[in-house]
Amino acid sequence: MKIKVIDTGLFKLDGGAMFGVVPKTMWQKLNPPDENNLCTWAMRCLLIESGDRKILVDTGIGTKQDEKFRSHFEPHGEEELISSLAKHGLAPAAITDVFLTHLHFDHCGGAVQYNEERALVPSFPNATYWTNRKHYDWALQPNPREKASFLKENFVPLADAGKLQFIDSSTDLIDWIEGIQIQLVYGHTEAMMMLLIPMDNGKKLVYCADLIPSSFHIGLPYVMSYDLRPLVTMQEKETLLEAAVANNYYLFFEHDPLHECATVYKTDRGRIRLEAYHSLAQLQATN
């Protein structure tokens, strides 16, 4: 199984929203804000190649939104989804599966694009797109807190095209395909899906999505204001981090502007801290 990083560019979000109750005097040392209190974040997706399957995990913000929308989030950088795939020799038609951790715009915006007739169509014409019914129904009828994050043009065209499949969400830990497991979590939004991906060295890579969006969010109080159920997020983080210590998981950060992966350890006082940063390419090379 080959796993590759697909960079889809950078964007900006309010620092206070991203760090929640943590004071600015503390978080600004981790990710310094600009004059508008906006911090830069990555939109780091993943490509899993196993046998004939080429699985894309999340799709970034995409390029179809208008300038007014883009002005709020300032997407920038040299990378975007399609060109990043091309660097790995892949055209959109080569992708067999698109796994969407959740349907917030910065995770699924690239799933749909305009065609020459200005109709919204799936960006990956031969792919099956994966979500779960609990989350899809939640996104279709968003609560006021999340309404701005769920843009129906990002996912309804997938269902209209018959490309959307629902993963069984009757249990919170699901054996999916090629040895990959799905963990459902409920703090950030309803039934977000993380991936636990087996590596050749017997360890696992955890695609944390927005449960732990960056290495800056390892500390339990570092919970985004965007989270629907922040206390649940803290419980889910603690469970994941304890498992990461026990099993030496690699944690993959979708939004960290600097670091792709990290390992963690527990101190003598029982606190979980960052142990080391890793690039995914280095991990793959040493497997």
Protein backbone atom coordinates (compact mmCIF):
# COMPACT_ATOMS: atom_id res chain seq x y z
CA MET A 1 0.00 0.00 0.00
CA LYS A 2 1.39 3.38 -1.05
CA ILE A 3 0.33 6.55 0.74
CA LYS A 4 1.09 10.00 -0.61
CA VAL A 5 0.37 13.55 0.47
CA ILE A 6 -1.80 15.61 -1.87
CA ASP A 7 -1.37 19.30 -1.07
CA THR A 8 -4.32 21.43 -2.17
CA GLY A 9 -3.08 24.82 -1.02
CA LEU A 10 -3.42 27.04 2.02
CA PHE A 11 -6.20 29.18 3.43
CA LYS A 12 -6.86 31.44 6.39
CA LEU A 13 -9.16 31.16 9.39
CA ASP A 14 -9.62 33.30 12.47
CA GLY A 15 -7.09 32.34 15.13
CA GLY A 16 -9.56 32.63 17.97
CA ALA A 17 -12.00 30.32 16.20
CA MET A 18 -9.30 27.75 15.57
CA PHE A 19 -8.00 27.71 19.14
CA GLY A 20 -11.24 28.17 21.08
CA VAL A 21 -10.84 29.04 24.78
CA VAL A 22 -7.03 29.08 24.64
CA PRO A 23 -5.84 32.71 25.09
CA LYS A 24 -4.28 34.49 22.15
CA THR A 25 -1.15 35.14 24.21
CA MET A 26 -0.57 31.38 24.05
CA TRP A 27 -1.75 30.33 20.59
CA GLN A 28 -0.14 33.20 18.69
CA LYS A 29 3.25 31.69 19.55
CA LEU A 30 2.21 28.51 17.71
CA ASN A 31 0.65 30.04 14.59
CA PRO A 32 1.17 33.80 14.43
CA PRO A 33 -1.84 35.68 13.01
CA ASP A 34 -1.85 38.46 10.45
CA GLU A 35 -3.19 41.97 11.08
CA ASN A 36 -6.76 40.65 10.73
CA ASN A 37 -6.21 37.90 13.32
CA LEU A 38 -6.21 35.27 10.57
CA CYS A 39 -3.85 32.29 10.72
CA THR A 40 -2.66 30.26 7.76
CA TRP A 41 -3.66 26.59 7.54
CA ALA A 42 -3.01 23.76 5.14
CA MET A 43 -5.58 21.68 3.28
CA ARG A 44 -3.57 18.47 3.14
CA CYS A 45 -5.27 15.50 1.53
CA LEU A 46 -4.11 11.93 1.06
CA LEU A 47 -3.81 9.45 -1.77
CA ILE A 48 -3.90 5.74 -0.94
CA GLU A 49 -2.88 3.35 -3.71
CA SER A 50 -3.58 -0.33 -3.12
CA GLY A 51 -3.94 -2.79 -5.96
CA ASP A 52 -6.20 -1.26 -8.58
CA ARG A 53 -7.69 1.26 -6.16
CA LYS A 54 -6.63 4.87 -5.96
CA ILE A 55 -8.36 6.41 -2.98
CA LEU A 56 -8.36 10.17 -2.47
CA VAL A 57 -9.06 11.30 1.09
CA ASP A 58 -10.77 14.72 1.18
CA THR A 59 -10.51 17.27 -1.63
CA GLY A 60 -9.71 20.67 -0.11
CA ILE A 61 -11.65 23.84 -0.83
CA GLY A 62 -11.68 23.53 -4.62
CA THR A 63 -11.59 26.34 -7.15
CA LYS A 64 -15.24 26.86 -8.11
CA GLN A 65 -16.34 29.33 -5.44
CA ASP A 66 -16.72 33.00 -6.35
CA GLU A 67 -14.38 35.79 -5.34
CA LYS A 68 -16.61 36.99 -2.50
CA PHE A 69 -16.42 33.58 -0.87
CA ARG A 70 -12.70 33.29 -1.50
CA SER A 71 -12.07 36.73 -0.01
CA HIS A 72 -13.25 35.44 3.39
CA PHE A 73 -10.76 32.57 3.45
CA GLU A 74 -7.96 33.79 1.18
CA PRO A 75 -7.01 30.49 -0.45
CA HIS A 76 -3.44 30.76 -1.70
CA GLY A 77 -0.24 28.87 -2.39
CA GLU A 78 1.23 27.10 -5.36
CA GLU A 79 -0.67 23.84 -4.92
CA GLU A 80 -4.20 22.81 -5.82
CA LEU A 81 -5.91 19.45 -6.03
CA ILE A 82 -5.75 18.54 -9.72
CA SER A 83 -2.20 19.79 -10.28
CA SER A 84 -1.00 17.98 -7.16
CA LEU A 85 -2.44 14.72 -8.46
CA ALA A 86 -0.80 15.38 -11.83
CA LYS A 87 2.58 15.57 -10.08
CA HIS A 88 2.01 11.95 -9.12
CA GLY A 89 1.08 11.07 -12.70
CA LEU A 90 -2.65 10.85 -12.05
CA ALA A 91 -5.49 12.41 -14.01
CA PRO A 92 -8.91 12.83 -12.35
CA ALA A 93 -10.24 9.84 -14.28
CA ALA A 94 -7.71 7.56 -12.54
CA ILE A 95 -9.21 8.07 -9.06
CA THR A 96 -11.43 5.13 -8.09
CA ASP A 97 -12.66 6.31 -4.68
CA VAL A 98 -13.05 9.66 -2.91
CA PHE A 99 -13.43 9.35 0.87
CA LEU A 100 -14.92 12.48 2.46
CA THR A 101 -14.22 12.70 6.18
CA HIS A 102 -17.05 15.23 6.45
CA LEU A 103 -18.83 17.74 4.26
CA HIS A 104 -17.51 21.07 5.51
CA PHE A 105 -16.45 23.15 2.51
CA ASP A 106 -12.70 22.98 3.17
CA HIS A 107 -12.82 19.19 3.05
CA CYS A 108 -15.13 18.53 0.11
CA GLY A 109 -15.08 21.67 -2.05
CA GLY A 110 -12.89 20.02 -4.67
CA ALA A 111 -15.26 17.06 -5.04
CA VAL A 112 -17.41 18.96 -7.54
CA GLN A 113 -16.54 21.31 -10.38
CA TYR A 114 -18.17 23.18 -13.24
CA ASN A 115 -18.12 21.57 -16.67
CA GLU A 116 -18.05 23.45 -19.97
CA GLU A 117 -21.82 24.01 -19.76
CA ARG A 118 -21.46 25.51 -16.26
CA ALA A 119 -23.19 22.53 -14.69
CA LEU A 120 -21.87 21.12 -11.43
CA VAL A 121 -20.47 17.63 -11.92
CA PRO A 122 -18.19 15.26 -9.96
CA SER A 123 -14.52 16.22 -10.35
CA PHE A 124 -13.55 12.53 -10.52
CA PRO A 125 -15.84 10.95 -13.12
CA ASN A 126 -14.95 7.31 -12.44
CA ALA A 127 -14.84 7.50 -8.66
CA THR A 128 -17.24 6.33 -6.00
CA TYR A 129 -17.63 9.03 -3.36
CA TRP A 130 -18.01 7.87 0.25
CA THR A 131 -19.79 9.47 3.20
CA ASN A 132 -22.29 8.12 5.75
CA ARG A 133 -26.03 8.63 6.02
CA LYS A 134 -25.91 10.20 9.49
CA HIS A 135 -23.55 12.92 8.34
CA TYR A 136 -25.13 13.45 4.92
CA ASP A 137 -28.58 14.01 6.41
CA TRP A 138 -27.01 16.36 8.97
CA ALA A 139 -25.37 18.36 6.18
CA LEU A 140 -28.62 18.58 4.17
CA GLN A 141 -30.42 20.23 7.08
CA PRO A 142 -27.67 22.15 8.85
CA ASN A 143 -28.08 23.82 12.20
CA PRO A 144 -27.43 27.59 12.36
CA ARG A 145 -23.99 27.01 13.90
CA GLU A 146 -22.73 24.97 10.94
CA LYS A 147 -24.84 26.35 8.10
CA ALA A 148 -22.02 28.40 6.59
CA SER A 149 -19.78 25.33 6.48
CA PHE A 150 -22.18 23.06 4.59
CA LEU A 151 -22.51 24.24 0.99
CA LYS A 152 -24.92 21.94 -0.82
CA GLU A 153 -23.28 22.58 -4.19
CA ASN A 154 -20.29 20.64 -2.86
CA PHE A 155 -22.12 17.35 -2.28
CA VAL A 156 -25.70 17.25 -3.62
CA PRO A 157 -24.42 16.98 -7.24
CA LEU A 158 -22.61 13.79 -6.19
CA ALA A 159 -25.88 12.22 -5.12
CA ASP A 160 -27.66 13.55 -8.22
CA ALA A 161 -25.00 11.91 -10.41
CA GLY A 162 -25.42 8.57 -8.61
CA LYS A 163 -21.81 8.69 -7.41
CA LEU A 164 -22.40 8.84 -3.66
CA GLN A 165 -22.28 5.74 -1.48
CA PHE A 166 -23.05 5.52 2.24
CA ILE A 167 -20.82 3.66 4.66
CA ASP A 168 -22.63 1.65 7.32
CA SER A 169 -22.51 3.83 10.43
CA SER A 170 -24.32 1.49 12.82
CA THR A 171 -21.03 1.05 14.71
CA ASP A 172 -18.35 3.64 15.43
CA LEU A 173 -15.39 1.48 14.30
CA ILE A 174 -15.77 0.04 10.83
CA ASP A 175 -13.58 -2.29 8.79
CA TRP A 176 -13.63 -0.70 5.35
CA ILE A 177 -11.39 -1.77 2.44
CA GLU A 178 -7.78 -2.90 2.03
CA GLY A 179 -7.36 -3.22 5.82
CA ILE A 180 -8.38 0.41 6.41
CA GLN A 181 -10.58 1.16 9.41
CA ILE A 182 -13.00 4.04 9.87
CA GLN A 183 -13.54 5.65 13.26
CA LEU A 184 -16.67 7.79 13.63
CA VAL A 185 -16.42 10.79 15.96
CA TYR A 186 -19.06 13.31 16.98
CA GLY A 187 -17.40 16.30 18.64
CA HIS A 188 -16.52 18.41 15.61
CA THR A 189 -19.68 17.57 13.68
CA GLU A 190 -22.13 14.71 13.45
CA ALA A 191 -20.46 11.42 12.45
CA MET A 192 -17.18 12.72 11.06
CA MET A 193 -14.98 9.87 9.84
CA MET A 194 -11.28 9.39 10.60
CA LEU A 195 -9.17 6.75 8.88
CA LEU A 196 -6.74 4.28 10.46
CA ILE A 197 -4.48 3.17 7.64
CA PRO A 198 -2.10 0.19 7.93
CA MET A 199 1.53 0.79 7.01
CA ASP A 200 4.12 -1.67 5.81
CA ASN A 201 6.00 -1.54 9.14
CA GLY A 202 2.94 -2.82 11.02
CA LYS A 203 2.04 0.57 12.49
CA LYS A 204 -0.95 2.73 11.63
CA LEU A 205 -1.33 6.19 10.19
CA VAL A 206 -4.34 8.05 11.59
CA TYR A 207 -5.91 10.65 9.32
CA CYS A 208 -7.21 12.86 12.12
CA ALA A 209 -9.35 15.19 9.98
CA ASP A 210 -10.72 17.91 12.29
CA LEU A 211 -10.53 15.99 15.56
CA ILE A 212 -6.86 17.04 15.79
CA PRO A 213 -6.47 19.44 12.86
CA SER A 214 -2.84 20.32 13.57
CA SER A 215 0.04 19.52 15.87
CA PHE A 216 -0.86 22.72 17.72
CA HIS A 217 -4.07 21.00 18.89
CA ILE A 218 -2.51 18.09 20.80
CA GLY A 219 -3.30 19.65 24.18
CA LEU A 220 -6.80 18.69 25.34
CA PRO A 221 -8.06 22.29 25.86
CA TYR A 222 -7.04 23.20 22.30
CA VAL A 223 -10.47 22.69 20.75
CA MET A 224 -11.82 24.73 17.86
CA SER A 225 -14.76 27.07 18.41
CA TYR A 226 -16.21 25.52 15.27
CA ASP A 227 -16.76 22.23 17.09
CA LEU A 228 -20.37 21.35 17.69
CA ARG A 229 -19.74 19.45 20.94
CA PRO A 230 -16.42 20.64 22.40
CA LEU A 231 -16.56 18.44 25.50
CA VAL A 232 -17.10 15.40 23.30
CA THR A 233 -14.14 16.50 21.19
CA MET A 234 -11.97 16.52 24.31
CA GLN A 235 -13.07 12.99 25.21
CA GLU A 236 -12.49 11.73 21.66
CA LYS A 237 -9.08 13.39 21.50
CA GLU A 238 -8.05 11.83 24.78
CA THR A 239 -9.12 8.39 23.57
CA LEU A 240 -7.21 8.77 20.32
CA LEU A 241 -4.08 10.13 21.96
CA GLU A 242 -4.02 7.33 24.53
CA ALA A 243 -4.28 4.83 21.67
CA ALA A 244 -1.55 6.69 19.78
CA VAL A 245 0.80 6.38 22.75
CA ALA A 246 -0.03 2.72 23.33
CA ASN A 247 0.30 1.71 19.67
CA ASN A 248 2.84 4.27 18.44
CA TYR A 249 0.44 5.61 15.83
CA TYR A 250 1.52 8.24 13.36
CA LEU A 251 -0.95 11.16 13.47
CA PHE A 252 -1.57 12.86 10.13
CA PHE A 253 -2.57 16.53 10.32
CA GLU A 254 -4.82 17.87 7.58
CA HIS A 255 -4.52 21.56 8.52
CA ASP A 256 -1.06 21.93 10.05
CA PRO A 257 0.78 24.56 7.97
CA LEU A 258 4.20 23.08 8.74
CA HIS A 259 4.05 19.44 9.76
CA GLU A 260 2.46 16.44 8.05
CA CYS A 261 2.72 13.82 10.80
CA ALA A 262 3.83 13.35 14.38
CA THR A 263 4.16 10.78 17.13
CA VAL A 264 3.27 11.42 20.76
CA TYR A 265 4.34 10.16 24.18
CA LYS A 266 3.10 10.39 27.76
CA THR A 267 5.12 12.29 30.36
CA ASP A 268 5.77 11.12 33.91
CA ARG A 269 2.95 13.45 34.97
CA GLY A 270 0.53 11.68 32.64
CA ARG A 271 0.34 14.41 29.99
CA ILE A 272 0.54 13.58 26.30
CA ARG A 273 3.06 15.60 24.34
CA LEU A 274 4.52 15.67 20.85
CA GLU A 275 7.44 13.29 20.49
CA ALA A 276 8.67 13.89 16.94
CA TYR A 277 7.56 15.34 13.63
CA HIS A 278 7.67 13.24 10.48
CA SER A 279 7.07 13.71 6.78
CA LEU A 280 4.98 11.00 5.20
CA ALA A 281 7.55 10.47 2.46
CA GLN A 282 10.22 9.71 5.07
CA LEU A 283 7.94 7.25 6.83
CA GLN A 284 7.19 5.49 3.56
CA ALA A 285 10.87 5.34 2.68
CA THR A 286 11.80 3.69 5.97
CA ASN A 287 8.99 1.11 5.94
